[in-house]
C-alpha cells in the first residue's frame, strides 16, 4: 500500500511539471508563436542649453556730448528716455530719446515754463514709472526759500507733465529725489539732505509717499538709510538711485565733490534686504573714479536693456576739455559678481572707447519754430521770431539796456571748436550791439559784436563789461556780416569778422575765458543782442564745428 501511493504521487508530479512547461497552449500540432520585439521607449527631449552670452554694447563715450549732468534713464517699450540737469538755463530739463542707449536725440524738455513755485537750481530730474504713471522727481529752489524735491506726473513718458509742487523742503535743502516701493509694496521717496551746504553730514532719507488719491505728499516718519561716513565720500553722499535685484535693494550713489576743477567725485553702492534697515556699503567702494580720459564720474541711474544687461548712465568731465564743456553723459555696463556686488569696468574708471569728435551743429532757421536744444538764461527769455529763414532776436522788456540783454545759446560739445554766424544788423541803433559769444551766464561772457560801423571784442566778468579790442567793420552788402569765434582748450578765444564769409579779419588778441564756467555748468555758444530799447538783429545761421 505504501509503495503504490508513492508511485501515484510521482506520476502526478510528472504531469503537473509537464503542464507547467507546456502551458499555455503547448500542443504537439501547433507551432510556438514568435514573441513580439520589445518597443524602445521614446527618449525625453534634451533641454536646450543656455543661450550664448550676448556681449555688451560697444560704447563710445560720452554718449551724450555736452552739458548733461545728473542723467536719469528709463526703458519704455523698445525705447529709452532720459533727462538731465538744466541748472540756470531754460527751458527746464532736456528730454531725450534713444533706440539703443548709444544714439540719442533731444526731443523736448520736461517743462516749457519753470514751475510756478520755483526760481532757480533746476537739478537732477529722476524719471520713474509706477503702475502705469510716469514721474519726474526734480530739485529746484523755492521762491524765497530752500532747495526742495518736487514731483510732476504724466500719462506718457513724453509728457505733458503736470507739476504737483514740492514734496519736501528742509531748511538745509532737500535734493536728488528718487522713487521706490519697499519689500511690502509701499511707495517711498528717497532723497538727500543738503547738509554739505553748511558743512554738515548728508543723510540719505526715505519716507512713505501717499497713494490715497488726495495728491502727492509724504506721510509717516522719515528714516535715515545711511550717511557720508567713510573717507572717500568726503563732505557728502548724494544722487541716490534705488533698484531691486535678487532679493536685495541697491542704492547707487555719488560721493565727494561733484564739480569744478577741484572735483573728486566717485560712484559708490550700498545694499540691504529691506528698504529701511540694514544698509551695508560695498567694501570696494568707490566702484568708479577717475582715469586718464575722464574725471569725477557719478550721479547716474541704472537701466536694463532688452537682453537683461544692466547699464549705468552717469556724468563725467572729459579730461581734454577740463570743465569747459560741462559734465557729459556717459554709459557703462554693470557686471554683477558672485557675491552680489556690482562692478564697472573692473574699477578702472569710465569704460568704452573715447569719442574722437562730436558731430557738428548747424541751424539755418528754416523751420517755423525754434529747434529743440536752444536755451536762454532762467527768467530772461528773449523775444524770438522765425520767418523767411531768419531768426529775429531782441531783448525782453526790462533788459534792453543790457549789452547782452538777449542771449540764445547752444551747449558746446568739445573744448576745441569754431562757431560762425551771419547777422543782419539793420535793426540796430547807434547804442546797440549784436554778435556771437562764449557764455558762462548773463554776468560772465566773452564775445564779438557789431556796434555802428565798428566791430568790437568785449569781455564781461561779474556783470562788469569792457571793450578789449575794436576794428572798423568791413563794407558789407545789406549790413549783413559773418562773425567767427575759434576756441581751443575750452577757454582761449580768437574772434574774426568777414563781409563775405571768405576773407576774414582778426579782431584783437587771443582772449582768456577761464573764468566763464560756473561751478556746475559748461560754456555755451550764444547769439546776443542788447544795449538799446526796440533794437533787434536777424541771424540766418549758426554753425559749431568741433576741431
Protein backbone atom coordinates (compact mmCIF):
# COMPACT_ATOMS: atom_id res chain seq x y z
CA UNK A 1 0.00 0.00 0.00
CA UNK A 2 2.75 2.37 0.86
CA UNK A 3 4.74 1.84 -2.38
CA UNK A 4 1.68 2.19 -4.56
CA UNK A 5 0.93 5.60 -3.05
CA UNK A 6 4.44 6.74 -3.78
CA UNK A 7 4.11 5.75 -7.41
CA UNK A 8 0.84 7.59 -7.79
CA UNK A 9 2.40 10.77 -6.25
CA UNK A 10 5.37 10.60 -8.62
CA UNK A 11 3.14 10.25 -11.66
CA UNK A 12 1.03 13.14 -10.56
CA UNK A 13 4.14 15.28 -10.10
CA UNK A 14 5.34 14.49 -13.62
CA UNK A 15 2.04 15.54 -15.17
CA UNK A 16 2.00 18.79 -13.22
CA UNK A 17 5.55 19.54 -14.31
CA UNK A 18 4.76 18.86 -17.95
CA UNK A 19 1.68 21.04 -17.85
CA UNK A 20 3.69 23.82 -16.36
CA UNK A 21 6.32 23.54 -19.06
CA UNK A 22 3.80 23.46 -21.93
CA UNK A 23 1.22 25.93 -20.71
CA UNK A 24 -0.22 27.96 -22.10
CA UNK A 25 -1.28 26.29 -25.45
CA UNK A 26 1.60 23.90 -25.68
CA UNK A 27 0.41 21.11 -28.10
CA UNK A 28 2.08 18.78 -30.48
CA UNK A 29 0.24 20.04 -33.58
CA UNK A 30 0.53 23.90 -33.24
CA UNK A 31 3.77 25.90 -33.73
CA UNK A 32 5.02 28.09 -30.95
CA UNK A 33 4.40 31.80 -31.85
CA UNK A 34 7.39 34.18 -32.12
CA UNK A 35 7.39 36.63 -29.19
CA UNK A 36 6.98 40.31 -30.16
CA UNK A 37 10.08 42.57 -30.37
CA UNK A 38 10.40 44.87 -27.40
CA UNK A 39 9.40 48.53 -28.06
CA UNK A 40 12.11 51.07 -27.33
CA UNK A 41 10.86 53.94 -25.10
CA UNK A 42 10.68 57.41 -26.74
CA UNK A 43 13.66 59.38 -25.48
CA UNK A 44 12.97 62.51 -23.42
CA UNK A 45 13.68 65.71 -25.37
CA UNK A 46 17.04 67.22 -24.47
CA UNK A 47 16.50 70.66 -22.93
CA UNK A 48 18.19 73.43 -24.89
CA UNK A 49 21.40 74.74 -23.46
CA UNK A 50 21.71 78.31 -22.19
CA UNK A 51 21.76 80.91 -24.95
CA UNK A 52 25.18 82.21 -25.88
CA UNK A 53 26.26 85.19 -23.81
CA UNK A 54 25.31 88.43 -25.52
CA UNK A 55 28.25 90.82 -25.43
CA UNK A 56 27.63 94.26 -24.00
CA UNK A 57 27.08 97.22 -26.26
CA UNK A 58 30.09 98.77 -27.94
CA UNK A 59 30.01 102.09 -26.13
CA UNK A 60 31.76 105.24 -27.33
CA UNK A 61 31.80 107.78 -24.51
CA UNK A 62 30.41 110.27 -23.99
CA UNK A 63 27.10 109.04 -25.38
CA UNK A 64 25.62 112.46 -24.54
CA UNK A 65 28.14 115.06 -25.69
CA UNK A 66 27.68 118.38 -23.97
CA UNK A 67 26.41 119.59 -20.62
CA UNK A 68 24.16 116.71 -19.43
CA UNK A 69 24.83 116.39 -15.71
CA UNK A 70 22.93 114.06 -13.34
CA UNK A 71 21.30 111.99 -16.09
CA UNK A 72 18.33 109.70 -15.43
CA UNK A 73 17.10 106.99 -17.82
CA UNK A 74 14.17 104.57 -18.07
CA UNK A 75 13.13 102.00 -20.66
CA UNK A 76 9.66 102.36 -22.19
CA UNK A 77 8.77 99.64 -24.66
CA UNK A 78 11.65 99.32 -27.10
CA UNK A 79 12.95 102.85 -26.44
CA UNK A 80 14.99 104.59 -23.76
CA UNK A 81 14.16 108.01 -22.38
CA UNK A 82 16.46 110.29 -20.41
CA UNK A 83 16.67 113.70 -18.80
CA UNK A 84 19.39 115.74 -17.11
CA UNK A 85 20.12 118.86 -15.07
CA UNK A 86 19.48 122.18 -16.81
CA UNK A 87 20.65 124.31 -13.85
CA UNK A 88 20.28 128.02 -14.66
CA UNK A 89 19.35 127.53 -18.32
CA UNK A 90 15.81 127.35 -19.66
CA UNK A 91 13.65 125.63 -20.71
CA UNK A 92 13.96 123.22 -17.83
CA UNK A 93 15.26 119.65 -18.13
CA UNK A 94 16.05 118.26 -21.59
CA UNK A 95 14.07 115.19 -22.67
CA UNK A 96 15.99 112.72 -24.82
CA UNK A 97 15.11 109.52 -26.65
CA UNK A 98 17.23 106.60 -27.90
CA UNK A 99 16.57 103.27 -29.62
CA UNK A 100 19.70 101.63 -28.21
CA UNK A 101 21.28 103.67 -25.33
CA UNK A 102 24.03 104.76 -27.74
CA UNK A 103 22.39 107.18 -30.18
CA UNK A 104 20.39 109.95 -28.51
CA UNK A 105 18.17 112.73 -29.79
CA UNK A 106 16.77 115.58 -27.76
CA UNK A 107 13.03 115.69 -28.47
CA UNK A 108 11.87 118.32 -26.00
CA UNK A 109 12.01 119.46 -22.39
CA UNK A 110 10.07 118.34 -19.34
CA UNK A 111 8.84 121.89 -18.69
CA UNK A 112 8.33 124.72 -21.17
CA UNK A 113 7.94 127.20 -18.33
CA UNK A 114 9.51 126.92 -14.88
CA UNK A 115 7.19 125.54 -12.19
CA UNK A 116 5.36 128.49 -10.61
CA UNK A 117 6.69 127.83 -7.08
CA UNK A 118 10.37 127.73 -8.16
CA UNK A 119 13.07 130.25 -9.03
CA UNK A 120 16.44 128.53 -9.68
CA UNK A 121 18.70 125.45 -9.36
CA UNK A 122 16.92 123.03 -11.68
CA UNK A 123 18.89 119.89 -10.88
CA UNK A 124 18.72 116.12 -11.03
CA UNK A 125 15.42 115.11 -12.68
CA UNK A 126 14.78 111.45 -11.83
CA UNK A 127 12.47 109.68 -14.28
CA UNK A 128 10.36 106.82 -12.93
CA UNK A 129 7.32 104.78 -13.89
CA UNK A 130 4.96 103.28 -11.31
CA UNK A 131 1.70 101.47 -12.03
CA UNK A 132 1.43 102.98 -15.49
CA UNK A 133 2.08 106.57 -14.43
CA UNK A 134 5.27 108.47 -15.29
CA UNK A 135 7.00 110.55 -12.64
CA UNK A 136 9.79 113.07 -12.57
CA UNK A 137 11.27 113.81 -9.14
CA UNK A 138 13.25 117.02 -9.54
CA UNK A 139 15.16 119.56 -7.48
CA UNK A 140 14.57 123.31 -7.56
CA UNK A 141 14.90 126.29 -5.23
CA UNK A 142 11.65 127.54 -3.77
CA UNK A 143 10.95 131.26 -4.28
CA UNK A 144 12.47 132.92 -1.24
CA UNK A 145 13.15 129.52 0.30
CA UNK A 146 15.40 126.45 0.31
CA UNK A 147 16.09 123.71 -2.19
CA UNK A 148 13.19 121.27 -2.50
CA UNK A 149 12.39 117.90 -4.05
CA UNK A 150 9.23 118.18 -6.14
CA UNK A 151 7.16 115.85 -8.30
CA UNK A 152 5.43 116.06 -11.67
CA UNK A 153 3.47 113.30 -13.41
CA UNK A 154 2.26 112.35 -16.88
CA UNK A 155 0.31 109.57 -18.56
CA UNK A 156 3.04 109.10 -21.17
CA UNK A 157 6.78 109.50 -20.87
CA UNK A 158 6.97 112.34 -23.40
CA UNK A 159 4.51 114.39 -21.35
CA UNK A 160 2.95 116.82 -20.93
CA UNK A 161 3.89 116.76 -17.24
CA UNK A 162 1.62 118.18 -14.56
CA UNK A 163 3.54 119.71 -11.70
CA UNK A 164 2.38 118.88 -8.17
CA UNK A 165 4.90 121.09 -6.40
CA UNK A 166 7.36 120.35 -3.59
CA UNK A 167 7.28 117.15 -1.53
CA UNK A 168 9.96 118.16 0.96
CA UNK A 169 11.78 121.46 1.61
CA UNK A 170 14.09 121.09 4.61
CA UNK A 171 15.86 124.16 5.95
CA UNK A 172 19.26 122.86 4.88
CA UNK A 173 17.87 121.93 1.47
CA UNK A 174 16.41 118.74 0.05
CA UNK A 175 17.75 117.43 -3.27
CA UNK A 176 18.11 114.35 -5.51
CA UNK A 177 14.76 112.60 -5.12
CA UNK A 178 14.09 109.00 -6.20
CA UNK A 179 11.05 106.71 -6.14
CA UNK A 180 10.92 103.08 -4.95
CA UNK A 181 8.49 100.53 -3.48
CA UNK A 182 9.66 98.66 -0.40
CA UNK A 183 9.50 94.92 0.25
CA UNK A 184 5.82 95.31 1.21
CA UNK A 185 4.98 97.22 -2.00
CA UNK A 186 4.71 100.53 -0.16
CA UNK A 187 5.72 103.62 -2.14
CA UNK A 188 8.64 105.70 -0.78
CA UNK A 189 10.52 108.86 -1.63
CA UNK A 190 14.30 108.67 -1.16
CA UNK A 191 16.36 111.88 -1.10
CA UNK A 192 19.43 113.67 0.24
CA UNK A 193 19.58 116.31 2.96
CA UNK A 194 21.90 119.00 1.59
CA UNK A 195 23.89 119.33 4.79
CA UNK A 196 27.18 119.93 2.99
CA UNK A 197 25.92 123.44 2.16
CA UNK A 198 26.52 124.19 5.87
CA UNK A 199 29.44 121.85 6.47
CA UNK A 200 27.16 119.17 7.98
CA UNK A 201 26.59 115.47 7.18
CA UNK A 202 24.33 114.49 4.27
CA UNK A 203 21.99 111.66 5.27
CA UNK A 204 20.04 109.76 2.64
CA UNK A 205 16.40 109.72 3.82
CA UNK A 206 13.40 107.55 2.94
CA UNK A 207 9.77 108.37 3.77
CA UNK A 208 6.41 106.94 2.63
CA UNK A 209 4.63 108.74 -0.20
CA UNK A 210 0.84 108.91 -0.13
CA UNK A 211 -1.24 106.86 -2.58
CA UNK A 212 -4.73 107.80 -1.35
CA UNK A 213 -5.69 109.87 -4.40
CA UNK A 214 -5.60 113.16 -2.50
CA UNK A 215 -2.38 114.29 -4.12
CA UNK A 216 1.28 113.57 -3.59
CA UNK A 217 2.60 114.15 -0.08
CA UNK A 218 4.90 112.50 2.40
CA UNK A 219 3.35 110.55 5.27
CA UNK A 220 4.68 108.94 8.43
CA UNK A 221 8.27 109.40 9.56
CA UNK A 222 11.48 109.68 7.59
CA UNK A 223 14.23 107.12 8.14
CA UNK A 224 17.95 107.56 7.62
CA UNK A 225 19.32 104.89 5.29
CA UNK A 226 22.98 105.91 5.52
CA UNK A 227 25.25 108.95 5.71
CA UNK A 228 28.69 110.00 4.49
CA UNK A 229 30.91 108.19 6.99
CA UNK A 230 33.91 106.78 5.11
CA UNK A 231 36.91 108.82 3.92
CA UNK A 232 36.41 108.64 0.14
CA UNK A 233 32.88 110.13 0.46
CA UNK A 234 34.31 113.35 1.86
CA UNK A 235 31.76 116.07 2.51
CA UNK A 236 28.75 114.27 1.05
CA UNK A 237 26.83 111.35 -0.38
CA UNK A 238 24.14 112.22 -2.92
CA UNK A 239 22.32 111.22 -6.08
CA UNK A 240 20.71 108.03 -4.68
CA UNK A 241 19.24 105.70 -7.30
CA UNK A 242 17.47 102.64 -5.91
CA UNK A 243 16.88 99.30 -7.65
CA UNK A 244 15.71 95.83 -6.58
CA UNK A 245 17.66 92.75 -7.62
CA UNK A 246 17.64 89.13 -6.41
CA UNK A 247 16.14 89.90 -3.03
CA UNK A 248 18.29 92.97 -2.38
CA UNK A 249 17.75 96.71 -2.55
CA UNK A 250 20.76 98.50 -4.06
CA UNK A 251 21.49 102.22 -3.95
CA UNK A 252 23.96 103.57 -6.49
CA UNK A 253 25.16 106.92 -5.20
CA UNK A 254 27.87 109.57 -5.61
CA UNK A 255 30.36 110.76 -3.04
CA UNK A 256 32.67 113.75 -2.51
CA UNK A 257 32.79 116.91 -4.67
CA UNK A 258 30.87 116.91 -7.94
CA UNK A 259 32.00 119.92 -9.81
CA UNK A 260 34.68 122.31 -10.92
CA UNK A 261 38.42 121.97 -11.39
CA UNK A 262 38.95 120.54 -7.91
CA UNK A 263 36.20 117.91 -8.13
CA UNK A 264 36.85 114.42 -6.73
CA UNK A 265 33.53 112.67 -7.36
CA UNK A 266 33.12 108.90 -7.44
CA UNK A 267 30.47 106.17 -7.59
CA UNK A 268 29.53 104.03 -4.60
CA UNK A 269 26.94 101.33 -3.98
CA UNK A 270 25.18 100.05 -0.87
CA UNK A 271 22.66 97.25 -0.33
CA UNK A 272 20.07 95.99 2.13
CA UNK A 273 17.49 93.20 2.34
CA UNK A 274 14.85 95.76 3.39
CA UNK A 275 14.43 99.35 2.35
CA UNK A 276 14.56 100.93 5.80
CA UNK A 277 17.23 98.97 7.57
CA UNK A 278 20.49 97.10 7.45
CA UNK A 279 22.29 99.05 4.73
CA UNK A 280 25.88 98.00 4.07
CA UNK A 281 28.29 99.77 1.76
CA UNK A 282 30.42 97.87 -0.70
CA UNK A 283 33.83 97.35 0.92
CA UNK A 284 35.40 98.05 -2.50
CA UNK A 285 33.77 101.49 -2.86
CA UNK A 286 34.21 103.62 -4.84
CA UNK A 287 33.46 101.29 -7.71
CA UNK A 288 34.33 104.03 -10.22
CA UNK A 289 36.63 107.03 -10.11
CA UNK A 290 38.97 108.93 -12.45
CA UNK A 291 41.13 107.61 -15.26
CA UNK A 292 43.25 109.22 -17.98
CA UNK A 293 40.25 110.05 -20.19
CA UNK A 294 37.51 111.14 -17.76
CA UNK A 295 37.32 112.53 -14.26
CA UNK A 296 34.78 112.91 -11.49
CA UNK A 297 32.23 110.29 -12.63
CA UNK A 298 28.98 109.99 -10.72
CA UNK A 299 25.29 110.69 -10.19
CA UNK A 300 23.53 108.32 -12.55
CA UNK A 301 20.77 105.75 -12.88
CA UNK A 302 20.51 102.08 -13.84
CA UNK A 303 18.56 100.71 -16.79
CA UNK A 304 18.13 97.14 -18.03
CA UNK A 305 18.23 96.53 -21.78
CA UNK A 306 16.21 94.01 -23.81
CA UNK A 307 18.88 91.32 -23.26
CA UNK A 308 18.74 91.71 -19.48
CA UNK A 309 22.03 93.57 -19.15
CA UNK A 310 22.24 96.45 -16.67
CA UNK A 311 23.86 99.76 -17.57
CA UNK A 312 24.69 102.90 -15.61
CA UNK A 313 24.05 106.26 -17.30
CA UNK A 314 26.04 108.90 -15.38
CA UNK A 315 28.13 112.01 -15.94
CA UNK A 316 31.83 112.85 -16.02
CA UNK A 317 34.18 115.57 -17.22
CA UNK A 318 36.38 114.75 -20.19
CA UNK A 319 40.00 115.43 -19.21
CA UNK A 320 40.94 117.02 -22.54
CA UNK A 321 38.19 119.63 -22.13
CA UNK A 322 38.67 120.28 -18.41
CA UNK A 323 35.43 121.79 -17.05
CA UNK A 324 34.53 123.95 -20.04
CA UNK A 325 32.11 121.64 -21.84
CA UNK A 326 30.49 120.58 -18.57
CA UNK A 327 29.63 117.15 -17.19
CA UNK A 328 28.87 114.90 -20.14
CA UNK A 329 26.56 111.87 -20.33
CA UNK A 330 28.40 108.51 -20.02
CA UNK A 331 27.34 104.86 -20.28
CA UNK A 332 28.91 101.71 -18.84
CA UNK A 333 27.75 98.11 -18.44
CA UNK A 334 27.38 96.78 -14.88
CA UNK A 335 28.93 93.42 -14.05
CA UNK A 336 27.41 91.53 -11.12
CA UNK A 337 29.76 89.32 -9.10
CA UNK A 338 29.01 86.02 -7.41
CA UNK A 339 28.99 87.88 -4.11
CA UNK A 340 26.09 90.03 -5.37
CA UNK A 341 28.12 93.26 -5.62
CA UNK A 342 28.30 95.22 -8.90
CA UNK A 343 31.47 96.38 -10.62
CA UNK A 344 32.03 98.74 -13.53
CA UNK A 345 34.97 98.38 -15.93
CA UNK A 346 36.89 96.39 -13.29
CA UNK A 347 37.17 99.57 -11.19
CA UNK A 348 39.40 101.22 -13.80
CA UNK A 349 37.25 104.32 -14.21
CA UNK A 350 34.85 105.08 -17.05
CA UNK A 351 34.95 102.47 -19.81
CA UNK A 352 34.20 102.18 -23.51
CA UNK A 353 36.02 103.81 -26.37
CA UNK A 354 36.59 107.57 -26.31
CA UNK A 355 34.69 109.67 -28.83
CA UNK A 356 37.12 111.09 -31.38
CA UNK A 357 35.00 114.12 -32.29
CA UNK A 358 31.35 115.00 -31.74
CA UNK A 359 29.11 115.89 -34.66
CA UNK A 360 28.93 119.44 -35.93
CA UNK A 361 25.85 121.53 -35.16
CA UNK A 362 24.09 123.58 -37.82
CA UNK A 363 20.86 125.57 -37.65
CA UNK A 364 19.81 127.68 -40.63
CA UNK A 365 16.45 128.63 -39.09
CA UNK A 366 14.36 127.09 -41.85
CA UNK A 367 11.63 125.78 -39.52
CA UNK A 368 8.66 127.82 -38.29
CA UNK A 369 9.52 127.13 -34.64
CA UNK A 370 12.78 127.14 -32.72
CA UNK A 371 14.66 123.83 -32.91
CA UNK A 372 14.90 121.72 -29.78
CA UNK A 373 18.06 122.33 -27.75
CA UNK A 374 18.27 126.12 -27.81
CA UNK A 375 18.48 127.69 -24.35
CA UNK A 376 18.33 131.04 -22.62
CA UNK A 377 19.10 132.12 -19.05
CA UNK A 378 16.38 131.36 -16.49
CA UNK A 379 13.90 134.21 -16.25
CA UNK A 380 15.41 136.01 -19.26
CA UNK A 381 13.62 134.58 -22.25
CA UNK A 382 14.34 136.82 -25.24
CA UNK A 383 11.91 137.80 -27.95
CA UNK A 384 12.28 135.32 -30.82
CA UNK A 385 10.66 135.33 -34.27
CA UNK A 386 11.32 132.87 -37.08
CA UNK A 387 10.40 133.86 -40.63
CA UNK A 388 11.91 133.79 -44.11
CA UNK A 389 14.78 131.55 -42.92
CA UNK A 390 15.93 134.10 -40.37
CA UNK A 391 15.81 134.31 -36.60
CA UNK A 392 14.97 137.76 -35.27
CA UNK A 393 16.34 138.21 -31.75
CA UNK A 394 15.60 141.04 -29.31
CA UNK A 395 15.82 141.53 -25.54
CA UNK A 396 12.71 141.13 -23.44
CA UNK A 397 11.16 144.16 -21.83
CA UNK A 398 13.29 145.44 -18.99
CA UNK A 399 16.57 144.08 -20.35
CA UNK A 400 17.01 146.16 -23.49
CA UNK A 401 19.70 148.42 -21.99
CA UNK A 402 21.87 145.42 -21.07
CA UNK A 403 24.59 144.78 -23.71
CA UNK A 404 23.71 141.08 -23.55
CA UNK A 405 20.03 141.58 -22.81
CA UNK A 406 19.11 138.79 -25.23
CA UNK A 407 21.05 135.52 -25.16
CA UNK A 408 20.08 132.48 -27.19
CA UNK A 409 22.58 129.67 -26.75
CA UNK A 410 23.65 126.11 -27.57
CA UNK A 411 25.68 123.75 -25.41
CA UNK A 412 29.24 123.12 -26.58
CA UNK A 413 30.38 119.52 -27.15
CA UNK A 414 34.14 119.94 -27.27
CA UNK A 415 36.81 122.25 -25.90
CA UNK A 416 38.07 122.94 -29.43
CA UNK A 417 35.58 124.30 -31.95
CA UNK A 418 34.80 127.01 -34.46
CA UNK A 419 31.49 128.87 -34.22
CA UNK A 420 30.21 131.04 -37.08
CA UNK A 421 27.09 133.10 -37.60
CA UNK A 422 25.76 135.51 -40.21
CA UNK A 423 23.88 138.51 -38.86
CA UNK A 424 21.93 141.41 -40.34
CA UNK A 425 22.33 144.44 -38.06
CA UNK A 426 19.99 146.81 -39.93
CA UNK A 427 17.68 146.79 -36.90
CA UNK A 428 20.31 148.23 -34.55
CA UNK A 429 20.59 151.86 -33.50
CA UNK A 430 23.87 153.50 -32.57
CA UNK A 431 23.86 152.30 -28.98
CA UNK A 432 23.02 148.64 -29.52
CA UNK A 433 25.20 145.65 -30.25
CA UNK A 434 24.64 142.20 -31.78
CA UNK A 435 27.03 139.31 -32.10
CA UNK A 436 28.45 135.97 -31.06
CA UNK A 437 29.76 134.99 -27.62
CA UNK A 438 31.04 132.31 -25.30
CA UNK A 439 28.65 132.45 -22.34
CA UNK A 440 29.02 131.16 -18.81
CA UNK A 441 25.94 133.02 -17.63
CA UNK A 442 24.50 136.53 -18.22
CA UNK A 443 27.16 138.04 -15.97
CA UNK A 444 30.15 136.20 -17.42
CA UNK A 445 30.83 136.09 -21.16
CA UNK A 446 33.33 136.96 -23.90
CA UNK A 447 32.22 137.86 -27.40
CA UNK A 448 32.44 139.80 -30.62
CA UNK A 449 29.75 142.25 -31.71
CA UNK A 450 28.83 144.89 -34.25
CA UNK A 451 28.04 148.36 -32.97
CA UNK A 452 27.54 151.11 -35.54
CA UNK A 453 30.42 150.97 -38.00
CA UNK A 454 32.69 149.15 -35.57
CA UNK A 455 33.30 145.53 -34.63
CA UNK A 456 34.28 145.04 -31.00
CA UNK A 457 35.60 142.24 -28.85
CA UNK A 458 34.16 142.57 -25.36
CA UNK A 459 34.62 140.86 -22.02
CA UNK A 460 32.01 140.64 -19.27
CA UNK A 461 33.07 139.35 -15.86
CA UNK A 462 31.00 139.57 -12.70
CA UNK A 463 28.48 141.76 -14.52
CA UNK A 464 31.07 144.36 -15.49
CA UNK A 465 31.57 144.71 -19.24
CA UNK A 466 34.54 146.24 -21.07
CA UNK A 467 35.65 146.52 -24.71
CA UNK A 468 39.05 144.91 -25.22
CA UNK A 469 39.53 145.39 -28.97
CA UNK A 470 37.95 147.48 -31.75
CA UNK A 471 38.24 147.45 -35.54
CA UNK A 472 36.39 149.05 -38.42
CA UNK A 473 33.60 146.89 -39.77
CA UNK A 474 34.22 145.89 -43.41
CA UNK A 475 31.90 147.18 -46.10
CA UNK A 476 29.08 144.62 -46.33
CA UNK A 477 26.01 144.33 -48.51
CA UNK A 478 22.78 144.97 -46.65
CA UNK A 479 24.52 145.44 -43.29
CA UNK A 480 25.00 141.66 -43.09
CA UNK A 481 28.22 140.31 -41.59
CA UNK A 482 29.84 136.99 -40.79
CA UNK A 483 31.29 136.58 -37.27
CA UNK A 484 33.58 133.79 -36.15
CA UNK A 485 34.80 132.56 -32.76
CA UNK A 486 37.60 129.97 -32.66
CA UNK A 487 38.16 128.18 -29.37
CA UNK A 488 40.97 125.99 -28.05
CA UNK A 489 41.44 124.30 -24.68
CA UNK A 490 37.86 125.29 -23.85
CA UNK A 491 38.74 128.80 -22.70
CA UNK A 492 41.03 130.52 -25.23
CA UNK A 493 39.21 132.52 -27.90
CA UNK A 494 40.03 134.26 -31.18
CA UNK A 495 37.45 136.43 -32.96
CA UNK A 496 37.12 137.50 -36.60
CA UNK A 497 34.74 139.33 -38.95
CA UNK A 498 34.04 138.99 -42.67
CA UNK A 499 31.80 140.68 -45.22
CA UNK A 500 31.52 137.61 -47.45
CA UNK A 501 32.42 134.57 -45.30
CA UNK A 502 35.64 134.07 -47.27
CA UNK A 503 38.02 136.88 -46.36
CA UNK A 504 38.38 137.21 -42.61
CA UNK A 505 39.83 139.96 -40.41
CA UNK A 506 41.01 139.02 -36.94
CA UNK A 507 39.82 141.36 -34.21
CA UNK A 508 42.10 141.73 -31.19
CA UNK A 509 44.35 139.22 -29.46
CA UNK A 510 43.51 135.83 -28.03
CA UNK A 511 41.22 136.16 -25.01
CA UNK A 512 41.38 134.02 -21.87
CA UNK A 513 37.95 132.94 -20.66
CA UNK A 514 38.97 130.64 -17.83
CA UNK A 515 36.52 132.48 -15.56
CA UNK A 516 33.50 131.54 -17.68
CA UNK A 517 32.20 128.18 -16.46
CA UNK A 518 30.16 128.39 -13.30
CA UNK A 519 30.74 125.61 -10.77
CA UNK A 520 28.00 123.34 -12.14
CA UNK A 521 27.76 124.37 -15.80
CA UNK A 522 29.61 124.28 -19.11
CA UNK A 523 30.21 127.14 -21.53
CA UNK A 524 27.58 127.85 -24.22
CA UNK A 525 27.86 129.46 -27.65
CA UNK A 526 25.40 132.34 -27.69
CA UNK A 527 23.82 134.76 -30.12
CA UNK A 528 23.49 138.12 -28.36
CA UNK A 529 21.63 141.41 -28.81
CA UNK A 530 21.29 144.35 -26.42
CA UNK A 531 22.07 147.90 -25.46
CA UNK A 532 19.06 149.91 -26.66
CA UNK A 533 15.29 149.66 -26.43
CA UNK A 534 13.45 148.46 -29.51
CA UNK A 535 16.56 147.13 -31.25
CA UNK A 536 16.89 143.70 -32.82
CA UNK A 537 19.14 141.65 -35.11
CA UNK A 538 18.41 138.98 -37.70
CA UNK A 539 20.56 135.84 -37.76
CA UNK A 540 20.38 133.39 -40.64
CA UNK A 541 22.57 130.60 -39.27
CA UNK A 542 24.75 129.24 -36.50
CA UNK A 543 27.40 126.58 -37.11
CA UNK A 544 29.52 124.96 -34.40
CA UNK A 545 32.24 122.72 -35.81
CA UNK A 546 34.48 120.68 -33.48
CA UNK A 547 38.18 120.89 -34.34
